[in-house]
C-alpha atoms as a PDB file:
ATOM      1  CA  UNK A   1       4.512 -28.731  -8.185  1.00  0.00           C
ATOM      2  CA  UNK A   2       7.270 -27.529  -5.901  1.00  0.00           C
ATOM      3  CA  UNK A   3      10.755 -27.673  -7.399  1.00  0.00           C
ATOM      4  CA  UNK A   4      13.580 -26.721  -5.049  1.00  0.00           C
ATOM      5  CA  UNK A   5      16.065 -26.598  -7.929  1.00  0.00           C
ATOM      6  CA  UNK A   6      13.984 -24.205 -10.064  1.00  0.00           C
ATOM      7  CA  UNK A   7      15.751 -21.036 -11.158  1.00  0.00           C
ATOM      8  CA  UNK A   8      13.861 -18.038 -12.520  1.00  0.00           C
ATOM      9  CA  UNK A   9      15.507 -15.083 -14.222  1.00  0.00           C
ATOM     10  CA  UNK A  10      13.597 -11.781 -14.271  1.00  0.00           C
ATOM     11  CA  UNK A  11      15.912  -9.635 -16.310  1.00  0.00           C
ATOM     12  CA  UNK A  12      14.513  -7.378 -18.981  1.00  0.00           C
ATOM     13  CA  UNK A  13      16.090  -4.225 -20.307  1.00  0.00           C
ATOM     14  CA  UNK A  14      13.935  -1.282 -19.311  1.00  0.00           C
ATOM     15  CA  UNK A  15      14.119   2.184 -20.737  1.00  0.00           C
ATOM     16  CA  UNK A  16      13.186   5.000 -18.387  1.00  0.00           C
ATOM     17  CA  UNK A  17       9.770   5.150 -20.066  1.00  0.00           C
ATOM     18  CA  UNK A  18       9.143   1.411 -19.683  1.00  0.00           C
ATOM     19  CA  UNK A  19      10.318   1.560 -16.071  1.00  0.00           C
ATOM     20  CA  UNK A  20       7.862   4.401 -15.375  1.00  0.00           C
ATOM     21  CA  UNK A  21       4.971   2.629 -17.123  1.00  0.00           C
ATOM     22  CA  UNK A  22       5.722  -0.573 -15.216  1.00  0.00           C
ATOM     23  CA  UNK A  23       5.534   1.231 -11.879  1.00  0.00           C
ATOM     24  CA  UNK A  24       2.412   3.107 -13.011  1.00  0.00           C
ATOM     25  CA  UNK A  25       0.845  -0.297 -13.656  1.00  0.00           C
ATOM     26  CA  UNK A  26       1.945  -1.480 -10.214  1.00  0.00           C
ATOM     27  CA  UNK A  27       0.106   1.520  -8.752  1.00  0.00           C
ATOM     28  CA  UNK A  28      -3.085   0.749 -10.678  1.00  0.00           C
ATOM     29  CA  UNK A  29      -2.851  -2.870  -9.503  1.00  0.00           C
ATOM     30  CA  UNK A  30      -2.219  -1.783  -5.917  1.00  0.00           C
ATOM     31  CA  UNK A  31      -5.356   0.361  -5.992  1.00  0.00           C
ATOM     32  CA  UNK A  32      -7.446  -2.542  -7.287  1.00  0.00           C
ATOM     33  CA  UNK A  33      -5.977  -4.914  -4.703  1.00  0.00           C
ATOM     34  CA  UNK A  34      -6.570  -2.556  -1.773  1.00  0.00           C
ATOM     35  CA  UNK A  35     -10.058  -1.713  -3.008  1.00  0.00           C
ATOM     36  CA  UNK A  36     -11.065  -5.387  -3.206  1.00  0.00           C
ATOM     37  CA  UNK A  37      -9.461  -6.143   0.138  1.00  0.00           C
ATOM     38  CA  UNK A  38     -11.284  -3.199   1.674  1.00  0.00           C
ATOM     39  CA  UNK A  39     -14.579  -4.400   0.259  1.00  0.00           C
ATOM     40  CA  UNK A  40     -14.103  -7.824   1.824  1.00  0.00           C
ATOM     41  CA  UNK A  41     -12.634  -6.740   5.178  1.00  0.00           C
ATOM     42  CA  UNK A  42     -14.102  -3.267   5.680  1.00  0.00           C
ATOM     43  CA  UNK A  43     -10.599  -1.803   6.081  1.00  0.00           C
ATOM     44  CA  UNK A  44      -9.789   1.607   4.674  1.00  0.00           C
ATOM     45  CA  UNK A  45      -6.802   2.148   2.421  1.00  0.00           C
ATOM     46  CA  UNK A  46      -3.892   3.417   4.511  1.00  0.00           C
ATOM     47  CA  UNK A  47      -0.813   5.291   3.389  1.00  0.00           C
ATOM     48  CA  UNK A  48       2.501   4.194   4.827  1.00  0.00           C
ATOM     49  CA  UNK A  49       4.078   6.611   7.321  1.00  0.00           C
ATOM     50  CA  UNK A  50       6.685   9.032   5.984  1.00  0.00           C
ATOM     51  CA  UNK A  51       9.365   7.101   7.878  1.00  0.00           C
ATOM     52  CA  UNK A  52       8.738   4.148   5.544  1.00  0.00           C
ATOM     53  CA  UNK A  53       9.481   6.271   2.467  1.00  0.00           C
ATOM     54  CA  UNK A  54      12.513   7.833   4.137  1.00  0.00           C
ATOM     55  CA  UNK A  55      13.963   4.360   4.846  1.00  0.00           C
ATOM     56  CA  UNK A  56      13.121   3.300   1.302  1.00  0.00           C
ATOM     57  CA  UNK A  57      15.051   6.263  -0.046  1.00  0.00           C
ATOM     58  CA  UNK A  58      18.026   5.532   2.205  1.00  0.00           C
ATOM     59  CA  UNK A  59      18.278   1.847   1.305  1.00  0.00           C
ATOM     60  CA  UNK A  60      19.867   1.887  -2.183  1.00  0.00           C
ATOM     61  CA  UNK A  61      23.652   1.714  -1.995  1.00  0.00           C
ATOM     62  CA  UNK A  62      25.642   1.650  -5.216  1.00  0.00           C
ATOM     63  CA  UNK A  63      29.363   1.157  -5.541  1.00  0.00           C
ATOM     64  CA  UNK A  64      29.943   4.875  -6.078  1.00  0.00           C
ATOM     65  CA  UNK A  65      28.218   8.098  -5.087  1.00  0.00           C
ATOM     66  CA  UNK A  66      26.921   8.458  -8.633  1.00  0.00           C
ATOM     67  CA  UNK A  67      25.507   4.906  -8.609  1.00  0.00           C
ATOM     68  CA  UNK A  68      23.856   5.481  -5.224  1.00  0.00           C
ATOM     69  CA  UNK A  69      22.345   8.756  -6.443  1.00  0.00           C
ATOM     70  CA  UNK A  70      21.092   7.048  -9.599  1.00  0.00           C
ATOM     71  CA  UNK A  71      19.448   4.276  -7.596  1.00  0.00           C
ATOM     72  CA  UNK A  72      17.816   6.779  -5.257  1.00  0.00           C
ATOM     73  CA  UNK A  73      16.465   8.747  -8.212  1.00  0.00           C
ATOM     74  CA  UNK A  74      14.971   5.532  -9.589  1.00  0.00           C
ATOM     75  CA  UNK A  75      13.330   4.867  -6.211  1.00  0.00           C
ATOM     76  CA  UNK A  76      11.791   8.346  -6.323  1.00  0.00           C
ATOM     77  CA  UNK A  77      10.619   7.850  -9.909  1.00  0.00           C
ATOM     78  CA  UNK A  78       9.126   4.458  -9.057  1.00  0.00           C
ATOM     79  CA  UNK A  79       7.195   5.873  -6.104  1.00  0.00           C
ATOM     80  CA  UNK A  80       5.916   8.872  -8.078  1.00  0.00           C
ATOM     81  CA  UNK A  81       4.794   6.648 -10.961  1.00  0.00           C
ATOM     82  CA  UNK A  82       3.246   4.152  -8.524  1.00  0.00           C
ATOM     83  CA  UNK A  83       1.328   6.906  -6.724  1.00  0.00           C
ATOM     84  CA  UNK A  84       0.085   8.410  -9.978  1.00  0.00           C
ATOM     85  CA  UNK A  85      -1.025   4.969 -11.189  1.00  0.00           C
ATOM     86  CA  UNK A  86      -2.819   4.371  -7.882  1.00  0.00           C
ATOM     87  CA  UNK A  87      -4.640   7.700  -8.197  1.00  0.00           C
ATOM     88  CA  UNK A  88      -5.468   7.018 -11.865  1.00  0.00           C
ATOM     89  CA  UNK A  89      -7.024   3.676 -10.878  1.00  0.00           C
ATOM     90  CA  UNK A  90      -9.132   5.402  -8.261  1.00  0.00           C
ATOM     91  CA  UNK A  91     -10.175   8.152 -10.674  1.00  0.00           C
ATOM     92  CA  UNK A  92     -11.112   5.561 -13.288  1.00  0.00           C
ATOM     93  CA  UNK A  93     -13.313   3.798 -10.717  1.00  0.00           C
ATOM     94  CA  UNK A  94     -15.003   7.034  -9.740  1.00  0.00           C
ATOM     95  CA  UNK A  95     -15.700   7.967 -13.349  1.00  0.00           C
ATOM     96  CA  UNK A  96     -17.173   4.512 -13.962  1.00  0.00           C
ATOM     97  CA  UNK A  97     -19.289   4.800 -10.816  1.00  0.00           C
ATOM     98  CA  UNK A  98     -17.516   1.856  -9.180  1.00  0.00           C
ATOM     99  CA  UNK A  99     -16.017   3.657  -6.221  1.00  0.00           C
ATOM    100  CA  UNK A 100     -17.447   1.600  -3.359  1.00  0.00           C
ATOM    101  CA  UNK A 101     -14.753   2.150  -0.780  1.00  0.00           C
ATOM    102  CA  UNK A 102     -15.806   1.372   2.780  1.00  0.00           C
ATOM    103  CA  UNK A 103     -16.597   4.501   4.757  1.00  0.00           C
END
């Protein structure tokens, strides 16, 4: 059902640890998604160009310098945790003998 008046709130208080674990999980999920997509399309997993990450780092703007710095540090943390989760998903697949990436 499509409801144009639906409102969804996604607020949950995250500690730094929960934030990191959430982004780790996003990385594991991203690995699984790209692996399955690669298996069905034959495409290899590609890393975004460095310019993408540079723009990502430049995008957060807080009301103050301190707020902007804090947001940028969270972007860095999210990307590090995401990358580590992605690599952990791949390592888990390899250990289980399920690494069937297209060559």
